[in-house]
Amino acid sequence: MVYLDHAATTPMHPDVIAEMTQVMEETFGNPSSIHQYGRSGQTKLENARQTIADSLRVKPHEIIFNSGGTESDNTALVETAFAKQVQGKHIITTAVEHPSILNTAQYLEKLGFEVTYLPVDENGQLDIDEVKKALRSDTILVSVMMANNETGNLFPIAEIGELLQDHPAIFHTDAVQSYGKVAVYPEELQVDLLSVSAHKFNGPKGVGFLYKRDGISLPTLLHGGEQEEKRRAGTQNLPGICGMAKAIELLPPETQTANQEKYQTFASKLLDDLTAYGIEYRLNGDPANKLSHVLNLQFPGISNDLLLMQLDLKGFAISTGSACTAGNVEPSHVLEAMYGKDAAAIDESVRISFGYGNTQEEIDRFAKTIIDTIQRLKQRESSKIS
């Protein structure tokens, strides 16, 4: 099998597995305990927190460890809404956010909050002017993802951060798809809250963190113990946290840049091969401003479900969109926002995403296989018509 669905999740790096195994074997103490076993766990915990903070160029105590992106997104939206509802009940987000944002926003609407869902253009890009037009005096929260998980599009986070400098609204960004791929520095972006999940950058599943800027006061989402400076109750997942820290240690800025360049080479070669063999396709997304490891392609006249199954049988794993909606009959809300609900692209598009372990030889084999598969499917359709 060749795995080309790294936007959904990533394989754990062997060094991450080794780090977690060592922690599980040698540092089983509860970090909240005061004996030697607990102190050893606490030291590991705080070293990991420092590693994560250094990667973001922020203070260690601004990192709140938790179970991952969904918990971070829920905390950012729900607790900000509850904390700021006296000042207003208006929230701004986009129509193409991850379900952990959109479903939480819909939950808040049921509680009396008003949510504006910003549109995107046909390239799936967000216009900063749309944010300006939506911003009101009673806006308490703006939540815009840094990179879209289906198209790879990068959104104007720094520009939004600058726009909000003279506005009291809290600014949150879901950086789950971008952290570990490109530089993410919250202070430079001027964001208040930022969500990350370890399994998107070769770390373990079920662990992540929420960055919360100093001065931002939020109620806690989970109540119980006094872990994470009373900001998130529950015994910390120490092996997972240490694994997450090891994963980001393996991805310094120069490695992230080199990876994006490598994935751009993969994407360019694949598209060149499709063109050379006369395969009709359309790139969904903004080719000038996106993560290079995510490639969303429409193949007119080809069912994406059928194409995915055919490729899976031949040993290649891709997807039709977000893993959090895969398996459901719901169409891609991202492509709907870009093209409209009746657009053919919704049923004809697949997402190919590169990552750790992929080689040019694999991409070349994949290109040959997808070309052969599409040609055969086209011939089958032609024979039916004739």
Protein backbone atom coordinates (compact mmCIF):
# COMPACT_ATOMS: atom_id res chain seq x y z
CA MET A 1 0.00 0.00 0.00
CA VAL A 2 1.04 3.56 -0.72
CA TYR A 3 -0.44 6.07 1.73
CA LEU A 4 -1.43 9.40 0.14
CA ASP A 5 -3.91 10.69 2.73
CA HIS A 6 -1.59 12.57 5.09
CA ALA A 7 -4.08 15.45 5.46
CA ALA A 8 -6.37 13.02 7.31
CA THR A 9 -3.69 11.65 9.61
CA THR A 10 -0.01 10.80 9.44
CA PRO A 11 2.05 7.72 10.32
CA MET A 12 4.00 8.08 13.54
CA HIS A 13 7.71 8.67 13.09
CA PRO A 14 9.84 5.79 14.46
CA ASP A 15 11.63 8.22 16.79
CA VAL A 16 8.26 9.29 18.19
CA ILE A 17 7.31 5.67 18.85
CA ALA A 18 10.67 5.11 20.57
CA GLU A 19 10.22 8.21 22.74
CA MET A 20 6.71 7.22 23.79
CA THR A 21 7.76 3.64 24.50
CA GLN A 22 10.57 4.82 26.75
CA VAL A 23 8.22 7.15 28.64
CA MET A 24 5.65 4.39 29.08
CA GLU A 25 8.32 2.03 30.38
CA GLU A 26 10.30 4.39 32.60
CA THR A 27 8.12 7.38 33.53
CA PHE A 28 4.73 6.02 34.53
CA GLY A 29 4.26 8.35 37.51
CA ASN A 30 1.39 10.85 37.63
CA PRO A 31 2.90 14.31 36.96
CA SER A 32 0.65 15.70 39.71
CA SER A 33 2.12 13.42 42.39
CA ILE A 34 4.78 14.86 44.69
CA HIS A 35 6.96 11.75 45.08
CA GLN A 36 9.94 10.93 42.85
CA TYR A 37 7.84 9.13 40.25
CA GLY A 38 5.55 12.12 39.97
CA ARG A 39 8.40 14.62 39.86
CA SER A 40 10.04 12.65 37.06
CA GLY A 41 6.79 12.81 35.08
CA GLN A 42 6.43 16.52 35.80
CA THR A 43 9.94 17.17 34.49
CA LYS A 44 9.14 15.32 31.25
CA LEU A 45 5.88 17.22 30.95
CA GLU A 46 7.46 20.65 31.35
CA ASN A 47 10.35 19.82 29.01
CA ALA A 48 7.79 18.91 26.36
CA ARG A 49 5.88 22.12 27.04
CA GLN A 50 9.09 24.12 26.56
CA THR A 51 9.80 22.35 23.26
CA ILE A 52 6.32 23.17 21.95
CA ALA A 53 6.50 26.76 23.19
CA ASP A 54 9.90 27.27 21.56
CA SER A 55 8.53 26.06 18.22
CA LEU A 56 5.85 28.77 18.43
CA ARG A 57 8.11 31.41 20.01
CA VAL A 58 5.70 31.79 22.95
CA LYS A 59 5.82 31.31 26.73
CA PRO A 60 5.51 27.74 28.07
CA HIS A 61 2.57 28.54 30.34
CA GLU A 62 0.59 29.69 27.29
CA ILE A 63 0.40 26.05 26.14
CA ILE A 64 -2.58 24.02 27.41
CA PHE A 65 -2.20 20.31 26.68
CA ASN A 66 -5.39 18.48 25.76
CA SER A 67 -6.81 15.71 23.55
CA GLY A 68 -6.34 17.47 20.21
CA GLY A 69 -7.86 19.79 17.64
CA THR A 70 -11.53 19.14 18.32
CA GLU A 71 -11.20 19.85 22.04
CA SER A 72 -9.10 22.94 21.32
CA ASP A 73 -11.62 24.28 18.82
CA ASN A 74 -14.55 23.60 21.13
CA THR A 75 -12.76 25.26 24.04
CA ALA A 76 -11.85 28.31 21.98
CA LEU A 77 -15.38 28.87 20.69
CA VAL A 78 -17.59 27.79 23.57
CA GLU A 79 -15.59 29.27 26.41
CA THR A 80 -14.93 32.54 24.58
CA ALA A 81 -18.64 32.84 23.83
CA PHE A 82 -19.59 32.22 27.45
CA ALA A 83 -16.91 34.55 28.80
CA LYS A 84 -17.70 37.44 26.42
CA GLN A 85 -21.48 37.23 26.02
CA VAL A 86 -22.01 40.29 28.19
CA GLN A 87 -20.14 42.37 25.56
CA GLY A 88 -21.95 40.81 22.60
CA LYS A 89 -23.14 37.62 20.97
CA HIS A 90 -21.79 37.92 17.43
CA ILE A 91 -19.22 35.41 16.11
CA ILE A 92 -17.46 35.36 12.75
CA THR A 93 -16.09 32.23 11.08
CA THR A 94 -15.94 30.87 7.51
CA ALA A 95 -18.13 28.49 5.55
CA VAL A 96 -15.18 26.15 4.96
CA GLU A 97 -13.99 25.48 8.50
CA HIS A 98 -13.43 22.02 9.92
CA PRO A 99 -16.59 20.38 11.36
CA SER A 100 -15.23 20.87 14.88
CA ILE A 101 -15.68 24.60 14.29
CA LEU A 102 -18.86 24.57 12.20
CA ASN A 103 -20.76 22.16 14.44
CA THR A 104 -19.71 24.10 17.53
CA ALA A 105 -20.83 27.36 15.92
CA GLN A 106 -24.22 25.79 15.18
CA TYR A 107 -24.44 24.67 18.80
CA LEU A 108 -23.81 28.26 19.93
CA GLU A 109 -26.50 29.52 17.57
CA LYS A 110 -28.99 27.32 19.42
CA LEU A 111 -27.93 29.08 22.62
CA GLY A 112 -28.73 32.51 21.18
CA PHE A 113 -25.44 33.54 19.61
CA GLU A 114 -25.37 34.96 16.09
CA VAL A 115 -22.80 33.51 13.69
CA THR A 116 -21.66 34.98 10.37
CA TYR A 117 -20.21 32.37 7.99
CA LEU A 118 -17.89 34.16 5.58
CA PRO A 119 -17.95 33.01 1.93
CA VAL A 120 -14.95 32.02 -0.18
CA ASP A 121 -14.40 32.57 -3.89
CA GLU A 122 -14.13 29.90 -6.61
CA ASN A 123 -10.50 29.33 -5.64
CA GLY A 124 -11.62 28.66 -2.07
CA GLN A 125 -9.87 31.82 -0.92
CA LEU A 126 -11.06 34.22 1.76
CA ASP A 127 -11.13 37.94 0.97
CA ILE A 128 -10.02 40.11 3.90
CA ASP A 129 -12.70 42.61 2.88
CA GLU A 130 -15.34 40.03 3.80
CA VAL A 131 -13.96 40.03 7.34
CA LYS A 132 -14.05 43.83 7.45
CA LYS A 133 -17.66 43.93 6.27
CA ALA A 134 -18.77 41.32 8.81
CA LEU A 135 -17.02 42.91 11.80
CA ARG A 136 -19.41 44.68 14.21
CA SER A 137 -19.20 46.40 17.57
CA ASP A 138 -20.81 43.35 19.21
CA THR A 139 -18.46 40.84 17.56
CA ILE A 140 -16.77 38.90 20.37
CA LEU A 141 -14.90 36.20 18.44
CA VAL A 142 -13.36 35.67 15.01
CA SER A 143 -12.31 32.09 14.19
CA VAL A 144 -10.60 31.46 10.84
CA MET A 145 -8.54 28.39 10.00
CA MET A 146 -4.92 28.90 8.97
CA ALA A 147 -5.02 26.29 6.19
CA ASN A 148 -7.98 24.45 4.75
CA ASN A 149 -7.86 20.69 5.24
CA GLU A 150 -9.50 19.86 1.89
CA THR A 151 -7.81 22.29 -0.52
CA GLY A 152 -4.67 23.25 1.41
CA ASN A 153 -5.46 26.94 0.92
CA LEU A 154 -3.66 29.31 3.29
CA PHE A 155 -5.87 32.06 4.69
CA PRO A 156 -4.82 35.67 5.49
CA ILE A 157 -4.33 35.15 9.22
CA ALA A 158 -1.72 37.89 9.68
CA GLU A 159 -3.95 40.41 7.88
CA ILE A 160 -6.94 39.46 10.05
CA GLY A 161 -4.77 39.73 13.16
CA GLU A 162 -3.75 43.23 12.11
CA LEU A 163 -7.37 44.17 11.39
CA LEU A 164 -8.44 43.10 14.88
CA GLN A 165 -5.77 45.06 16.74
CA ASP A 166 -8.20 47.91 17.31
CA HIS A 167 -11.16 45.64 18.02
CA PRO A 168 -11.93 43.81 21.30
CA ALA A 169 -12.88 40.53 19.57
CA ILE A 170 -10.86 37.42 20.43
CA PHE A 171 -9.03 35.96 17.43
CA HIS A 172 -8.76 32.16 17.13
CA THR A 173 -7.18 30.13 14.37
CA ASP A 174 -7.36 26.40 13.78
CA ALA A 175 -3.75 25.59 12.85
CA VAL A 176 -4.22 21.82 12.84
CA GLN A 177 -3.40 21.41 9.14
CA SER A 178 -0.56 23.95 9.04
CA TYR A 179 1.50 23.43 12.23
CA GLY A 180 4.52 21.30 11.43
CA LYS A 181 4.21 22.19 7.74
CA VAL A 182 4.91 25.94 7.72
CA ALA A 183 6.08 28.52 10.26
CA VAL A 184 3.39 29.26 12.86
CA TYR A 185 4.20 32.12 15.25
CA PRO A 186 1.10 33.34 17.12
CA GLU A 187 2.62 36.62 18.31
CA GLU A 188 3.61 37.60 14.77
CA LEU A 189 0.18 36.58 13.49
CA GLN A 190 -1.45 38.45 16.40
CA VAL A 191 -3.77 35.58 17.29
CA ASP A 192 -5.13 35.02 20.79
CA LEU A 193 -5.99 31.32 20.58
CA LEU A 194 -4.54 28.59 18.35
CA SER A 195 -5.44 24.90 17.99
CA VAL A 196 -3.04 22.04 17.18
CA SER A 197 -3.31 18.24 16.96
CA ALA A 198 -0.25 15.95 17.07
CA HIS A 199 -1.45 13.28 14.65
CA LYS A 200 -1.19 15.71 11.71
CA PHE A 201 2.63 15.91 11.95
CA ASN A 202 3.70 12.31 12.63
CA GLY A 203 2.83 12.39 16.31
CA PRO A 204 0.28 10.26 18.21
CA LYS A 205 -3.50 10.52 17.98
CA GLY A 206 -5.56 11.83 20.88
CA VAL A 207 -3.21 14.58 22.01
CA GLY A 208 -2.72 18.24 21.11
CA PHE A 209 -2.80 21.67 22.67
CA LEU A 210 -4.46 25.05 22.73
CA TYR A 211 -2.24 28.11 22.73
CA LYS A 212 -3.81 30.85 24.88
CA ARG A 213 -2.15 34.23 24.83
CA ASP A 214 -1.36 35.91 28.13
CA GLY A 215 -4.16 38.25 29.11
CA ILE A 216 -6.93 36.11 27.59
CA SER A 217 -9.21 34.90 30.35
CA LEU A 218 -11.33 31.83 29.58
CA PRO A 219 -13.42 29.53 31.77
CA THR A 220 -12.30 25.89 31.77
CA LEU A 221 -14.14 23.44 29.52
CA LEU A 222 -13.31 20.40 31.67
CA HIS A 223 -13.63 20.56 35.45
CA GLY A 224 -12.00 18.28 38.01
CA GLY A 225 -8.36 18.42 39.04
CA GLU A 226 -5.97 21.36 38.88
CA GLN A 227 -3.84 20.21 35.96
CA GLU A 228 -2.57 22.67 33.36
CA GLU A 229 -2.63 25.51 35.91
CA LYS A 230 -6.35 24.80 36.54
CA ARG A 231 -7.12 25.41 32.87
CA ARG A 232 -7.82 21.81 31.77
CA ALA A 233 -8.65 19.10 34.29
CA GLY A 234 -7.55 15.50 33.80
CA THR A 235 -4.31 13.57 34.22
CA GLN A 236 -2.05 14.51 31.33
CA ASN A 237 -1.35 11.98 28.59
CA LEU A 238 2.39 12.05 29.27
CA PRO A 239 3.51 9.52 26.62
CA GLY A 240 1.40 11.29 24.01
CA ILE A 241 2.65 14.74 25.00
CA CYS A 242 6.27 13.59 24.90
CA GLY A 243 5.62 11.96 21.53
CA MET A 244 4.12 15.21 20.23
CA ALA A 245 7.16 17.17 21.41
CA LYS A 246 9.51 14.67 19.76
CA ALA A 247 7.54 14.93 16.50
CA ILE A 248 7.97 18.70 16.38
CA GLU A 249 11.66 18.40 17.33
CA LEU A 250 12.02 16.40 14.11
CA LEU A 251 10.46 19.24 12.11
CA PRO A 252 12.62 22.38 12.55
CA PRO A 253 11.78 25.26 10.16
CA GLU A 254 14.41 24.22 7.61
CA THR A 255 12.96 20.70 7.45
CA GLN A 256 9.44 22.06 7.04
CA THR A 257 10.61 24.21 4.13
CA ALA A 258 12.44 21.29 2.52
CA ASN A 259 9.37 19.08 2.90
CA GLN A 260 7.08 21.62 1.26
CA GLU A 261 9.52 21.92 -1.64
CA LYS A 262 9.63 18.14 -2.00
CA TYR A 263 5.85 17.87 -1.95
CA GLN A 264 5.59 20.62 -4.55
CA THR A 265 7.86 18.54 -6.77
CA PHE A 266 5.57 15.54 -6.24
CA ALA A 267 2.50 17.61 -7.11
CA SER A 268 4.05 19.21 -10.19
CA LYS A 269 5.23 15.87 -11.56
CA LEU A 270 1.82 14.30 -11.01
CA LEU A 271 0.03 17.16 -12.78
CA ASP A 272 2.55 17.08 -15.62
CA ASP A 273 1.92 13.36 -16.10
CA LEU A 274 -1.86 13.86 -16.12
CA THR A 275 -1.49 16.59 -18.75
CA ALA A 276 0.93 14.54 -20.86
CA TYR A 277 -1.57 11.67 -21.07
CA GLY A 278 -4.50 13.94 -21.87
CA ILE A 279 -6.32 13.45 -18.56
CA GLU A 280 -8.81 16.26 -17.99
CA TYR A 281 -8.64 17.67 -14.48
CA ARG A 282 -9.26 20.82 -12.47
CA LEU A 283 -7.29 21.93 -9.44
CA ASN A 284 -9.60 22.86 -6.57
CA GLY A 285 -7.96 25.61 -4.55
CA ASP A 286 -5.62 28.55 -4.88
CA PRO A 287 -2.43 27.36 -6.63
CA ALA A 288 -0.60 30.54 -5.64
CA ASN A 289 -1.30 30.36 -1.89
CA LYS A 290 -1.59 26.85 -0.48
CA LEU A 291 0.20 24.08 1.35
CA SER A 292 2.01 22.04 -1.26
CA HIS A 293 1.31 18.65 0.31
CA VAL A 294 -2.46 18.87 -0.31
CA LEU A 295 -3.75 18.40 -3.83
CA ASN A 296 -7.51 18.47 -4.49
CA LEU A 297 -8.41 17.48 -8.06
CA GLN A 298 -11.64 17.21 -10.01
CA PHE A 299 -11.78 14.63 -12.81
CA PRO A 300 -14.86 15.55 -14.90
CA GLY A 301 -17.15 12.62 -15.58
CA ILE A 302 -15.46 10.34 -13.02
CA SER A 303 -17.22 9.41 -9.77
CA ASN A 304 -14.88 10.17 -6.90
CA ASP A 305 -16.20 7.24 -4.83
CA LEU A 306 -15.58 4.83 -7.69
CA LEU A 307 -12.11 6.25 -8.36
CA LEU A 308 -11.18 6.02 -4.69
CA MET A 309 -12.29 2.38 -4.48
CA GLN A 310 -10.46 1.42 -7.67
CA LEU A 311 -7.24 3.01 -6.42
CA ASP A 312 -7.63 1.41 -3.00
CA LEU A 313 -7.87 -2.02 -4.64
CA LYS A 314 -4.64 -1.25 -6.48
CA GLY A 315 -2.82 -0.27 -3.30
CA PHE A 316 -3.15 3.52 -3.14
CA ALA A 317 -4.94 5.34 -0.30
CA ILE A 318 -6.43 8.75 -1.09
CA SER A 319 -9.67 10.40 0.05
CA THR A 320 -12.69 12.35 -1.11
CA GLY A 321 -12.32 15.01 1.58
CA SER A 322 -12.18 15.48 5.33
CA ALA A 323 -11.71 12.29 7.34
CA CYS A 324 -14.19 13.67 9.87
CA THR A 325 -16.98 13.41 7.28
CA ALA A 326 -15.69 10.41 5.31
CA GLY A 327 -18.07 7.48 5.28
CA ASN A 328 -21.08 9.80 5.39
CA VAL A 329 -23.23 10.68 2.41
CA GLU A 330 -22.78 14.37 3.12
CA PRO A 331 -21.08 16.21 0.24
CA SER A 332 -17.99 18.37 0.77
CA HIS A 333 -19.11 21.62 2.39
CA VAL A 334 -15.83 23.16 1.19
CA LEU A 335 -16.52 22.47 -2.48
CA GLU A 336 -20.14 23.53 -2.00
CA ALA A 337 -18.95 26.87 -0.66
CA MET A 338 -16.60 27.27 -3.62
CA TYR A 339 -18.85 26.18 -6.50
CA GLY A 340 -22.44 25.86 -5.24
CA LYS A 341 -24.46 22.90 -4.00
CA ASP A 342 -25.20 21.45 -7.43
CA ALA A 343 -21.67 21.64 -8.83
CA ALA A 344 -20.34 18.53 -10.53
CA ALA A 345 -17.01 18.96 -8.74
CA ILE A 346 -18.57 17.79 -5.47
CA ASP A 347 -18.97 14.24 -6.78
CA GLU A 348 -15.90 14.24 -9.02
CA SER A 349 -13.10 15.48 -6.73
CA VAL A 350 -10.49 13.61 -4.70
CA ARG A 351 -7.86 14.77 -2.23
CA ILE A 352 -4.29 13.51 -2.55
CA SER A 353 -1.97 14.49 0.28
CA PHE A 354 1.74 13.74 0.59
CA GLY A 355 3.85 13.26 3.69
CA TYR A 356 6.53 11.42 5.62
CA GLY A 357 7.70 8.26 3.88
CA ASN A 358 6.47 9.09 0.38
CA THR A 359 9.02 8.85 -2.42
CA GLN A 360 9.14 10.08 -6.00
CA GLU A 361 9.04 6.45 -7.16
CA GLU A 362 5.73 5.99 -5.31
CA ILE A 363 4.29 9.15 -6.85
CA ASP A 364 5.33 8.00 -10.32
CA ARG A 365 3.62 4.63 -9.75
CA PHE A 366 0.55 6.42 -8.46
CA ALA A 367 0.47 8.69 -11.51
CA LYS A 368 0.59 5.68 -13.84
CA THR A 369 -2.14 3.89 -11.88
CA ILE A 370 -4.54 6.82 -11.67
CA ILE A 371 -4.05 7.58 -15.38
CA ASP A 372 -4.75 3.95 -16.32
CA THR A 373 -7.77 3.84 -14.01
CA ILE A 374 -9.31 7.04 -15.35
CA GLN A 375 -8.74 5.98 -18.96
CA ARG A 376 -10.44 2.63 -18.31
CA LEU A 377 -13.37 4.27 -16.51
CA LYS A 378 -13.78 6.71 -19.39
CA GLN A 379 -13.76 3.83 -21.89
CA ARG A 380 -16.38 2.01 -19.85
CA GLU A 381 -18.65 5.06 -19.88
CA SER A 382 -18.12 5.51 -23.62
CA SER A 383 -19.08 1.91 -24.33
CA LYS A 384 -22.27 2.32 -22.29
CA ILE A 385 -23.25 5.38 -24.33
CA SER A 386 -22.51 3.70 -27.65
